[in-house]
Structures are given as C-alpha cells and as structure tokens.
Amino acid sequence: MLIRYWFVIYPEDKYGPRNIGVTAHSLKEAKFLICDTLARFNWSHITENCIANADVIEEIDIRLLDKGHVIPNMGIVVFKGVWFPFCNL
C-alpha cells in the first residue's frame, strides 16, 4: 500500500513550498526516492542529512498544504515518487 509523506525541511514553513512530498511503500523507500530525485536534478541545496533529519508527516492531508504554490504545482499523490516538487510522472 502506498503512503503519502510530507518531509518538513523548513519547520517555519511547515506546509510551504520549500518542503518535499513523496509517495512510497515505506519511509525508507520515500527517503531513497527523494535522494535519487535530488541526485538526478542536481539539487545540492537539500542534502541527504536534511532528509534524514526532517520531520515527516505520514499520510499528509494535502488540504493543509500551501494553496498558493504547493497544491497548484504538485504531481499526482497516488503515484509512487516525488510529487512536490512535481517529479513523479
């Protein structure tokens, strides 16, 4: 069963666009998918250490996410992969 995760990299903006949304079978797989995506897109501003130390919200209610940027720019949350930023199609 797939699980929606929200990785809070910047707690001061908990539901905002500087964080990461991913859908995976487990937290371990979610972290792998994020790190793999970061490497493919050469996003060096978010490190594996950031991901390892991030607060994680399991089964995030997407209605809580930023309505001005996150919701209109996210991918499909029922597909495996990073959906915010939109990378899972």
Protein backbone atom coordinates (compact mmCIF):
# COMPACT_ATOMS: atom_id res chain seq x y z
CA MET A 1 0.00 0.00 0.00
CA LEU A 2 1.34 3.43 -0.93
CA ILE A 3 1.71 6.11 1.74
CA ARG A 4 1.88 9.90 1.25
CA TYR A 5 4.77 11.50 3.12
CA TRP A 6 5.49 15.19 3.66
CA PHE A 7 9.11 15.94 4.58
CA VAL A 8 9.34 19.16 6.56
CA ILE A 9 12.77 20.55 5.72
CA TYR A 10 11.86 24.07 6.87
CA PRO A 11 9.70 23.88 10.03
CA GLU A 12 8.97 27.61 9.98
CA ASP A 13 7.05 26.99 6.74
CA LYS A 14 5.66 23.55 7.60
CA TYR A 15 3.21 23.25 4.70
CA GLY A 16 5.03 25.53 2.29
CA PRO A 17 6.93 25.08 -0.95
CA ARG A 18 10.41 24.55 0.50
CA ASN A 19 9.46 21.06 1.69
CA ILE A 20 9.05 17.75 -0.15
CA GLY A 21 6.10 15.47 -0.83
CA VAL A 22 6.60 11.85 -1.84
CA THR A 23 4.51 8.70 -2.11
CA ALA A 24 6.14 5.33 -1.37
CA HIS A 25 5.57 1.93 0.24
CA SER A 26 7.70 2.81 3.28
CA LEU A 27 9.60 5.65 4.89
CA LYS A 28 12.86 4.03 3.83
CA GLU A 29 11.72 3.91 0.20
CA ALA A 30 10.48 7.52 0.43
CA LYS A 31 13.91 8.70 1.57
CA PHE A 32 15.55 6.73 -1.25
CA LEU A 33 13.18 8.25 -3.85
CA ILE A 34 13.90 11.76 -2.61
CA CYS A 35 17.68 11.25 -2.61
CA ASP A 36 17.53 9.68 -6.08
CA THR A 37 15.46 12.60 -7.39
CA LEU A 38 17.78 15.14 -5.79
CA ALA A 39 20.75 13.50 -7.49
CA ARG A 40 19.04 13.36 -10.91
CA PHE A 41 18.15 17.05 -10.78
CA ASN A 42 21.43 18.08 -9.10
CA TRP A 43 19.65 19.78 -6.19
CA SER A 44 22.62 20.26 -3.89
CA HIS A 45 20.76 22.75 -1.64
CA ILE A 46 18.93 19.86 0.06
CA THR A 47 21.30 17.23 1.39
CA GLU A 48 20.75 13.63 2.46
CA ASN A 49 21.35 14.87 6.00
CA CYS A 50 18.41 17.29 5.60
CA ILE A 51 16.21 14.39 4.52
CA ALA A 52 17.42 12.14 7.35
CA ASN A 53 16.71 14.83 9.97
CA ALA A 54 13.45 16.17 8.54
CA ASP A 55 10.20 15.89 10.42
CA VAL A 56 7.97 13.53 8.43
CA ILE A 57 4.19 13.64 8.31
CA GLU A 58 2.76 10.30 7.23
CA GLU A 59 -0.48 10.33 5.23
CA ILE A 60 -0.39 14.12 4.95
CA ASP A 61 -3.78 15.71 4.39
CA ILE A 62 -3.00 17.59 1.18
CA ARG A 63 -5.67 20.18 2.02
CA LEU A 64 -3.24 21.52 4.64
CA LEU A 65 -0.57 22.29 2.05
CA ASP A 66 0.10 25.79 0.76
CA LYS A 67 -2.78 26.71 -1.55
CA GLY A 68 -0.86 29.40 -3.40
CA HIS A 69 2.08 27.31 -4.60
CA VAL A 70 2.21 23.69 -3.41
CA ILE A 71 -1.28 22.49 -4.36
CA PRO A 72 -1.38 24.04 -7.86
CA ASN A 73 2.12 22.74 -8.66
CA MET A 74 2.16 19.23 -7.21
CA GLY A 75 2.04 15.95 -9.07
CA ILE A 76 -0.37 13.11 -8.55
CA VAL A 77 -0.17 11.93 -4.94
CA VAL A 78 -1.46 8.40 -5.62
CA PHE A 79 1.54 7.58 -7.86
CA LYS A 80 4.84 6.43 -6.39
CA GLY A 81 7.52 9.11 -6.44
CA VAL A 82 8.21 12.72 -5.55
CA TRP A 83 5.04 14.71 -6.16
CA PHE A 84 6.24 18.01 -4.75
CA PRO A 85 8.16 19.37 -6.37
CA PHE A 86 6.38 17.66 -9.28
CA CYS A 87 8.71 14.85 -10.44
CA ASN A 88 6.63 11.64 -10.43
CA LEU A 89 5.28 11.36 -13.97
